[in-house]
Amino acid sequence: MPKSELLRMDNMGIVVESLDEAVEFFTELGLTLEGRATVEGEWAGRVTGLGDQRVEVAMMVTPDGHSRLELSRFVDPPIAADHRTDPVNSLGYLRAMFAVSDIDETLERLQGRGATLVGDVVQYESAYRLCYVRGPEGILVGLAEELPAGS
């Protein structure tokens, strides 16, 4: 039997309290809402290990169509823990990094939606300008602008 191979990363998930606010923020960043649905029942809980559950889900897609962000709001069972304001050196998944064409313009738009800059916009060698922002509910998002060769 041939060895199974990894095909792609399908999506990354973020649990939120306000699905509408998170969708608006990630739409401002440049993702498109692909769809919204309620996922519920014992079958879904068998996948997550939570038992019977009810979750509102919004699937966002990047402009290139290759990456998706699944935003989830748990109606039942209730939220078990809150790590939204943990610093970037905390264990676990804390941020998603997005490549943008103009970090300053993107940062300005996101700040108009209430995002706050975590530290500074910095330049890594002559390759990237980078920063972290906290969006709605403290969601940590990284922005990376690739610089032209020789910058």
N, C-alpha and C. Protein backbone atom coordinates (compact mmCIF):
# COMPACT_ATOMS: atom_id res chain seq x y z
N MET A 1 0.84 -1.18 0.00
CA MET A 1 0.00 0.00 0.00
C MET A 1 0.89 1.25 0.00
N PRO A 2 0.63 2.21 -0.92
CA PRO A 2 1.47 3.42 -0.96
C PRO A 2 1.22 4.31 0.25
N LYS A 3 2.27 5.05 0.64
CA LYS A 3 2.18 5.97 1.77
C LYS A 3 1.29 7.16 1.39
N SER A 4 0.38 7.52 2.30
CA SER A 4 -0.46 8.70 2.09
C SER A 4 0.43 9.94 2.10
N GLU A 5 0.09 10.93 1.26
CA GLU A 5 0.89 12.15 1.22
C GLU A 5 0.04 13.37 1.54
N LEU A 6 0.67 14.38 2.13
CA LEU A 6 0.01 15.64 2.43
C LEU A 6 -0.29 16.36 1.13
N LEU A 7 -1.51 16.84 0.95
CA LEU A 7 -1.89 17.52 -0.28
C LEU A 7 -1.82 19.04 -0.16
N ARG A 8 -2.26 19.59 0.97
CA ARG A 8 -2.25 21.04 1.18
C ARG A 8 -2.69 21.32 2.61
N MET A 9 -2.53 22.56 3.05
CA MET A 9 -3.17 22.99 4.29
C MET A 9 -4.53 23.53 3.89
N ASP A 10 -5.60 22.97 4.43
CA ASP A 10 -6.95 23.34 4.02
C ASP A 10 -7.39 24.66 4.64
N ASN A 11 -7.29 24.78 5.97
CA ASN A 11 -7.66 26.04 6.60
C ASN A 11 -7.07 26.12 8.00
N MET A 12 -7.17 27.31 8.56
CA MET A 12 -6.76 27.57 9.93
C MET A 12 -8.00 28.10 10.64
N GLY A 13 -8.21 27.72 11.89
CA GLY A 13 -9.41 28.14 12.59
C GLY A 13 -9.12 29.08 13.74
N ILE A 14 -10.05 30.03 13.93
CA ILE A 14 -9.99 30.95 15.07
C ILE A 14 -11.38 30.98 15.70
N VAL A 15 -11.43 30.80 17.01
CA VAL A 15 -12.69 30.87 17.75
C VAL A 15 -12.89 32.30 18.21
N VAL A 16 -14.08 32.85 17.95
CA VAL A 16 -14.38 34.25 18.29
C VAL A 16 -15.71 34.33 19.04
N GLU A 17 -15.93 35.48 19.68
CA GLU A 17 -17.22 35.75 20.32
C GLU A 17 -18.19 36.41 19.34
N SER A 18 -17.69 37.31 18.50
CA SER A 18 -18.53 38.01 17.53
C SER A 18 -18.10 37.63 16.12
N LEU A 19 -18.88 36.79 15.50
CA LEU A 19 -18.58 36.35 14.14
C LEU A 19 -18.67 37.52 13.16
N ASP A 20 -19.68 38.37 13.33
CA ASP A 20 -19.85 39.51 12.42
C ASP A 20 -18.64 40.44 12.45
N GLU A 21 -18.17 40.76 13.66
CA GLU A 21 -17.02 41.67 13.81
C GLU A 21 -15.76 41.06 13.20
N ALA A 22 -15.54 39.77 13.42
CA ALA A 22 -14.36 39.10 12.85
C ALA A 22 -14.44 39.04 11.34
N VAL A 23 -15.61 38.76 10.78
CA VAL A 23 -15.77 38.73 9.32
C VAL A 23 -15.48 40.10 8.74
N GLU A 24 -15.99 41.16 9.36
CA GLU A 24 -15.74 42.52 8.87
C GLU A 24 -14.25 42.84 8.89
N PHE A 25 -13.55 42.46 9.97
CA PHE A 25 -12.12 42.73 10.08
C PHE A 25 -11.33 42.01 8.99
N PHE A 26 -11.58 40.72 8.81
CA PHE A 26 -10.82 39.96 7.82
C PHE A 26 -11.23 40.32 6.39
N THR A 27 -12.45 40.83 6.20
CA THR A 27 -12.85 41.36 4.90
C THR A 27 -12.04 42.62 4.61
N GLU A 28 -11.89 43.48 5.63
CA GLU A 28 -11.08 44.70 5.47
C GLU A 28 -9.63 44.34 5.13
N LEU A 29 -9.13 43.27 5.71
CA LEU A 29 -7.77 42.83 5.42
C LEU A 29 -7.63 42.37 3.97
N GLY A 30 -8.71 41.85 3.38
CA GLY A 30 -8.66 41.44 1.99
C GLY A 30 -9.18 40.04 1.72
N LEU A 31 -9.62 39.33 2.76
CA LEU A 31 -10.21 38.01 2.56
C LEU A 31 -11.67 38.18 2.12
N THR A 32 -12.21 37.15 1.49
CA THR A 32 -13.59 37.16 1.03
C THR A 32 -14.38 36.12 1.80
N LEU A 33 -15.59 36.48 2.19
CA LEU A 33 -16.46 35.53 2.86
C LEU A 33 -16.92 34.50 1.84
N GLU A 34 -16.55 33.25 2.07
CA GLU A 34 -16.92 32.17 1.15
C GLU A 34 -18.28 31.59 1.53
N GLY A 35 -18.61 31.63 2.82
CA GLY A 35 -19.90 31.12 3.25
C GLY A 35 -20.01 31.09 4.76
N ARG A 36 -21.26 31.03 5.22
CA ARG A 36 -21.56 30.92 6.65
C ARG A 36 -22.54 29.78 6.85
N ALA A 37 -22.40 29.10 7.98
CA ALA A 37 -23.30 27.98 8.27
C ALA A 37 -23.28 27.72 9.77
N THR A 38 -24.28 26.98 10.22
CA THR A 38 -24.30 26.48 11.58
C THR A 38 -24.01 24.99 11.52
N VAL A 39 -23.03 24.57 12.28
CA VAL A 39 -22.65 23.16 12.35
C VAL A 39 -23.10 22.67 13.72
N GLU A 40 -23.92 21.63 13.72
CA GLU A 40 -24.43 21.17 15.01
C GLU A 40 -24.70 19.68 14.97
N GLY A 41 -24.79 19.14 16.17
CA GLY A 41 -25.16 17.75 16.30
C GLY A 41 -24.05 16.87 16.82
N GLU A 42 -24.43 15.66 17.12
CA GLU A 42 -23.51 14.68 17.71
C GLU A 42 -22.39 14.31 16.74
N TRP A 43 -22.69 14.27 15.43
CA TRP A 43 -21.66 13.90 14.46
C TRP A 43 -20.50 14.89 14.49
N ALA A 44 -20.81 16.20 14.61
CA ALA A 44 -19.77 17.23 14.65
C ALA A 44 -18.95 17.11 15.93
N GLY A 45 -19.62 16.82 17.03
CA GLY A 45 -18.94 16.65 18.30
C GLY A 45 -18.02 15.44 18.33
N ARG A 46 -18.30 14.46 17.50
CA ARG A 46 -17.41 13.30 17.42
C ARG A 46 -16.08 13.70 16.79
N VAL A 47 -16.09 14.66 15.89
CA VAL A 47 -14.86 15.14 15.26
C VAL A 47 -14.04 15.95 16.26
N THR A 48 -14.69 16.85 17.00
CA THR A 48 -13.97 17.75 17.90
C THR A 48 -13.75 17.18 19.29
N GLY A 49 -14.48 16.13 19.62
CA GLY A 49 -14.37 15.56 20.95
C GLY A 49 -15.20 16.30 21.99
N LEU A 50 -16.09 17.20 21.55
CA LEU A 50 -16.88 18.01 22.47
C LEU A 50 -18.29 17.46 22.71
N GLY A 51 -18.64 16.36 22.09
CA GLY A 51 -20.00 15.86 22.23
C GLY A 51 -20.95 16.66 21.38
N ASP A 52 -22.21 16.71 21.79
CA ASP A 52 -23.22 17.46 21.05
C ASP A 52 -22.82 18.94 21.06
N GLN A 53 -22.76 19.57 19.87
CA GLN A 53 -22.32 20.96 19.81
C GLN A 53 -23.12 21.74 18.79
N ARG A 54 -23.07 23.06 18.94
CA ARG A 54 -23.69 23.99 17.98
C ARG A 54 -22.68 25.12 17.79
N VAL A 55 -22.21 25.28 16.55
CA VAL A 55 -21.17 26.25 16.24
C VAL A 55 -21.56 27.01 14.97
N GLU A 56 -21.49 28.33 15.04
CA GLU A 56 -21.67 29.16 13.84
C GLU A 56 -20.31 29.35 13.20
N VAL A 57 -20.21 29.09 11.91
CA VAL A 57 -18.93 29.11 11.21
C VAL A 57 -19.00 30.05 10.01
N ALA A 58 -17.93 30.82 9.81
CA ALA A 58 -17.77 31.64 8.61
C ALA A 58 -16.44 31.24 7.98
N MET A 59 -16.45 30.89 6.71
CA MET A 59 -15.22 30.51 6.00
C MET A 59 -14.79 31.69 5.13
N MET A 60 -13.56 32.14 5.37
CA MET A 60 -12.97 33.25 4.62
C MET A 60 -11.89 32.68 3.71
N VAL A 61 -11.73 33.27 2.53
CA VAL A 61 -10.73 32.78 1.58
C VAL A 61 -9.82 33.94 1.15
N THR A 62 -8.53 33.63 0.96
CA THR A 62 -7.56 34.64 0.52
C THR A 62 -7.77 34.93 -0.96
N PRO A 63 -7.29 36.09 -1.44
CA PRO A 63 -7.51 36.47 -2.84
C PRO A 63 -6.98 35.45 -3.85
N ASP A 64 -5.92 34.72 -3.51
CA ASP A 64 -5.39 33.73 -4.46
C ASP A 64 -6.18 32.43 -4.46
N GLY A 65 -7.12 32.30 -3.51
CA GLY A 65 -7.97 31.11 -3.45
C GLY A 65 -7.32 29.90 -2.83
N HIS A 66 -6.09 30.00 -2.37
CA HIS A 66 -5.36 28.85 -1.85
C HIS A 66 -5.50 28.64 -0.35
N SER A 67 -5.81 29.68 0.41
CA SER A 67 -5.84 29.57 1.86
C SER A 67 -7.20 30.01 2.40
N ARG A 68 -7.61 29.35 3.47
CA ARG A 68 -8.88 29.68 4.09
C ARG A 68 -8.70 29.87 5.59
N LEU A 69 -9.56 30.72 6.13
CA LEU A 69 -9.59 30.98 7.56
C LEU A 69 -11.00 30.67 8.03
N GLU A 70 -11.12 29.73 8.96
CA GLU A 70 -12.42 29.35 9.49
C GLU A 70 -12.63 30.08 10.82
N LEU A 71 -13.63 30.94 10.85
CA LEU A 71 -13.98 31.67 12.06
C LEU A 71 -15.17 30.95 12.69
N SER A 72 -15.06 30.61 13.97
CA SER A 72 -16.10 29.84 14.65
C SER A 72 -16.57 30.54 15.91
N ARG A 73 -17.88 30.53 16.11
CA ARG A 73 -18.48 31.03 17.36
C ARG A 73 -19.25 29.88 17.99
N PHE A 74 -18.74 29.40 19.12
CA PHE A 74 -19.38 28.28 19.81
C PHE A 74 -20.59 28.78 20.59
N VAL A 75 -21.75 28.25 20.24
CA VAL A 75 -22.96 28.53 20.97
C VAL A 75 -23.07 27.53 22.13
N ASP A 76 -22.76 26.26 21.82
CA ASP A 76 -22.80 25.20 22.82
C ASP A 76 -21.83 24.11 22.41
N PRO A 77 -20.95 23.65 23.24
CA PRO A 77 -20.73 24.05 24.62
C PRO A 77 -20.06 25.43 24.69
N PRO A 78 -20.11 26.05 25.87
CA PRO A 78 -19.52 27.38 26.02
C PRO A 78 -17.99 27.33 25.90
N ILE A 79 -17.41 28.50 25.69
CA ILE A 79 -15.96 28.65 25.58
C ILE A 79 -15.28 28.10 26.83
N ALA A 80 -14.20 27.35 26.65
CA ALA A 80 -13.51 26.70 27.78
C ALA A 80 -12.35 27.53 28.31
N ALA A 81 -11.68 28.29 27.46
CA ALA A 81 -10.51 29.06 27.88
C ALA A 81 -10.34 30.26 26.95
N ASP A 82 -9.61 31.26 27.38
CA ASP A 82 -9.41 32.47 26.60
C ASP A 82 -7.92 32.81 26.57
N HIS A 83 -7.32 32.73 25.38
CA HIS A 83 -5.89 33.00 25.21
C HIS A 83 -5.63 34.21 24.32
N ARG A 84 -6.67 35.00 24.06
CA ARG A 84 -6.56 36.06 23.07
C ARG A 84 -5.53 37.12 23.39
N THR A 85 -5.26 37.39 24.63
CA THR A 85 -4.32 38.46 24.95
C THR A 85 -2.95 37.93 25.37
N ASP A 86 -2.73 36.64 25.18
CA ASP A 86 -1.42 36.07 25.51
C ASP A 86 -0.35 36.65 24.58
N PRO A 87 0.86 36.84 25.07
CA PRO A 87 1.94 37.35 24.21
C PRO A 87 2.37 36.30 23.19
N VAL A 88 3.09 36.76 22.17
CA VAL A 88 3.46 35.89 21.05
C VAL A 88 4.38 34.73 21.43
N ASN A 89 4.98 34.75 22.60
CA ASN A 89 5.85 33.64 23.00
C ASN A 89 5.11 32.61 23.86
N SER A 90 3.78 32.66 23.87
CA SER A 90 2.97 31.67 24.59
C SER A 90 2.87 30.39 23.76
N LEU A 91 2.67 29.28 24.45
CA LEU A 91 2.53 28.00 23.76
C LEU A 91 1.21 27.93 23.02
N GLY A 92 1.20 27.26 21.89
CA GLY A 92 -0.01 27.06 21.12
C GLY A 92 -0.08 27.97 19.90
N TYR A 93 -1.18 27.86 19.19
CA TYR A 93 -1.39 28.68 18.00
C TYR A 93 -1.90 30.04 18.41
N LEU A 94 -1.20 31.09 18.00
CA LEU A 94 -1.59 32.42 18.42
C LEU A 94 -1.84 33.41 17.30
N ARG A 95 -1.28 33.18 16.14
CA ARG A 95 -1.42 34.19 15.10
C ARG A 95 -1.43 33.56 13.72
N ALA A 96 -1.97 34.33 12.79
CA ALA A 96 -1.88 34.00 11.38
C ALA A 96 -1.09 35.14 10.73
N MET A 97 -0.23 34.81 9.77
CA MET A 97 0.56 35.82 9.07
C MET A 97 0.03 35.95 7.65
N PHE A 98 -0.18 37.19 7.22
CA PHE A 98 -0.70 37.45 5.89
C PHE A 98 0.30 38.30 5.11
N ALA A 99 0.55 37.94 3.86
CA ALA A 99 1.39 38.73 2.97
C ALA A 99 0.53 39.84 2.38
N VAL A 100 1.02 41.08 2.43
CA VAL A 100 0.30 42.23 1.90
C VAL A 100 1.21 43.00 0.95
N SER A 101 0.59 43.76 0.05
CA SER A 101 1.39 44.52 -0.92
C SER A 101 1.90 45.83 -0.34
N ASP A 102 1.19 46.41 0.62
CA ASP A 102 1.58 47.69 1.22
C ASP A 102 1.22 47.65 2.70
N ILE A 103 2.21 47.43 3.54
CA ILE A 103 1.96 47.24 4.97
C ILE A 103 1.42 48.52 5.62
N ASP A 104 1.88 49.69 5.19
CA ASP A 104 1.43 50.94 5.79
C ASP A 104 -0.05 51.19 5.49
N GLU A 105 -0.45 50.99 4.24
CA GLU A 105 -1.84 51.21 3.85
C GLU A 105 -2.74 50.19 4.53
N THR A 106 -2.30 48.94 4.59
CA THR A 106 -3.09 47.89 5.24
C THR A 106 -3.25 48.19 6.73
N LEU A 107 -2.18 48.58 7.36
CA LEU A 107 -2.20 48.91 8.79
C LEU A 107 -3.17 50.08 9.05
N GLU A 108 -3.13 51.07 8.20
CA GLU A 108 -4.04 52.22 8.35
C GLU A 108 -5.51 51.78 8.25
N ARG A 109 -5.83 50.93 7.27
CA ARG A 109 -7.20 50.44 7.12
C ARG A 109 -7.64 49.62 8.33
N LEU A 110 -6.75 48.75 8.82
CA LEU A 110 -7.10 47.90 9.95
C LEU A 110 -7.23 48.70 11.24
N GLN A 111 -6.40 49.72 11.40
CA GLN A 111 -6.53 50.59 12.57
C GLN A 111 -7.85 51.34 12.54
N GLY A 112 -8.36 51.62 11.34
CA GLY A 112 -9.68 52.22 11.20
C GLY A 112 -10.78 51.29 11.67
N ARG A 113 -10.49 50.01 11.74
CA ARG A 113 -11.42 48.99 12.25
C ARG A 113 -11.11 48.63 13.71
N GLY A 114 -10.24 49.42 14.35
CA GLY A 114 -9.95 49.19 15.76
C GLY A 114 -8.71 48.37 16.05
N ALA A 115 -7.98 47.94 15.04
CA ALA A 115 -6.76 47.16 15.27
C ALA A 115 -5.70 48.06 15.93
N THR A 116 -4.86 47.44 16.76
CA THR A 116 -3.77 48.17 17.38
C THR A 116 -2.45 47.50 17.04
N LEU A 117 -1.45 48.30 16.77
CA LEU A 117 -0.11 47.81 16.47
C LEU A 117 0.49 47.27 17.75
N VAL A 118 1.06 46.06 17.71
CA VAL A 118 1.61 45.43 18.91
C VAL A 118 2.94 46.05 19.30
N GLY A 119 3.85 46.17 18.38
CA GLY A 119 5.16 46.75 18.64
C GLY A 119 5.39 47.84 17.62
N ASP A 120 6.32 47.58 16.70
CA ASP A 120 6.63 48.51 15.62
C ASP A 120 6.58 47.77 14.29
N VAL A 121 6.49 48.51 13.21
CA VAL A 121 6.72 47.95 11.89
C VAL A 121 8.24 47.92 11.73
N VAL A 122 8.78 46.73 11.48
CA VAL A 122 10.24 46.59 11.38
C VAL A 122 10.62 46.02 10.03
N GLN A 123 11.87 46.24 9.67
CA GLN A 123 12.38 45.66 8.42
C GLN A 123 13.34 44.54 8.76
N TYR A 124 13.11 43.39 8.13
CA TYR A 124 14.00 42.24 8.27
C TYR A 124 14.91 42.20 7.07
N GLU A 125 16.19 42.51 7.32
CA GLU A 125 17.20 42.56 6.26
C GLU A 125 16.65 43.38 5.10
N SER A 126 16.88 42.96 3.88
CA SER A 126 16.30 43.69 2.74
C SER A 126 15.17 42.87 2.11
N ALA A 127 14.56 42.02 2.94
CA ALA A 127 13.56 41.09 2.41
C ALA A 127 12.12 41.46 2.74
N TYR A 128 11.85 41.86 4.00
CA TYR A 128 10.47 42.07 4.43
C TYR A 128 10.34 43.25 5.37
N ARG A 129 9.15 43.86 5.39
CA ARG A 129 8.68 44.72 6.47
C ARG A 129 7.62 43.92 7.17
N LEU A 130 7.66 43.89 8.51
CA LEU A 130 6.78 43.02 9.30
C LEU A 130 6.19 43.77 10.47
N CYS A 131 5.00 43.33 10.89
CA CYS A 131 4.42 43.82 12.14
C CYS A 131 3.34 42.86 12.60
N TYR A 132 2.96 43.01 13.87
CA TYR A 132 1.82 42.30 14.43
C TYR A 132 0.78 43.35 14.81
N VAL A 133 -0.48 43.01 14.62
CA VAL A 133 -1.58 43.84 15.09
C VAL A 133 -2.55 42.97 15.86
N ARG A 134 -3.26 43.60 16.79
CA ARG A 134 -4.36 42.93 17.47
C ARG A 134 -5.65 43.48 16.89
N GLY A 135 -6.47 42.56 16.38
CA GLY A 135 -7.74 42.93 15.78
C GLY A 135 -8.87 42.76 16.77
N PRO A 136 -10.08 42.50 16.26
CA PRO A 136 -11.22 42.35 17.16
C PRO A 136 -10.98 41.22 18.15
N GLU A 137 -11.41 41.44 19.37
CA GLU A 137 -11.28 40.46 20.44
C GLU A 137 -9.83 40.09 20.75
N GLY A 138 -8.89 40.94 20.33
CA GLY A 138 -7.48 40.69 20.62
C GLY A 138 -6.82 39.69 19.70
N ILE A 139 -7.49 39.31 18.60
CA ILE A 139 -6.90 38.35 17.67
C ILE A 139 -5.58 38.90 17.14
N LEU A 140 -4.53 38.09 17.23
CA LEU A 140 -3.20 38.50 16.79
C LEU A 140 -3.01 38.12 15.32
N VAL A 141 -2.66 39.12 14.50
CA VAL A 141 -2.46 38.94 13.07
C VAL A 141 -1.11 39.52 12.70
N GLY A 142 -0.34 38.77 11.93
CA GLY A 142 0.93 39.26 11.41
C GLY A 142 0.75 39.76 9.99
N LEU A 143 1.48 40.83 9.65
CA LEU A 143 1.48 41.37 8.29
C LEU A 143 2.91 41.36 7.79
N ALA A 144 3.09 40.94 6.55
CA ALA A 144 4.42 40.88 5.94
C ALA A 144 4.37 41.47 4.54
N GLU A 145 5.20 42.47 4.30
CA GLU A 145 5.33 43.06 2.97
C GLU A 145 6.69 42.67 2.40
N GLU A 146 6.69 41.90 1.34
CA GLU A 146 7.95 41.51 0.71
C GLU A 146 8.50 42.71 -0.04
N LEU A 147 9.80 42.97 0.18
CA LEU A 147 10.44 44.13 -0.44
C LEU A 147 11.06 43.73 -1.79
N PRO A 148 11.10 44.67 -2.71
CA PRO A 148 11.76 44.38 -3.98
C PRO A 148 13.23 44.04 -3.76
N ALA A 149 13.79 43.21 -4.58
CA ALA A 149 15.20 42.82 -4.45
C ALA A 149 16.07 44.06 -4.43
N GLY A 150 17.04 44.07 -3.51
CA GLY A 150 17.98 45.17 -3.41
C GLY A 150 17.51 46.35 -2.57
N SER A 151 16.39 46.19 -1.84
CA SER A 151 15.87 47.30 -1.03
C SER A 151 16.70 47.47 0.23
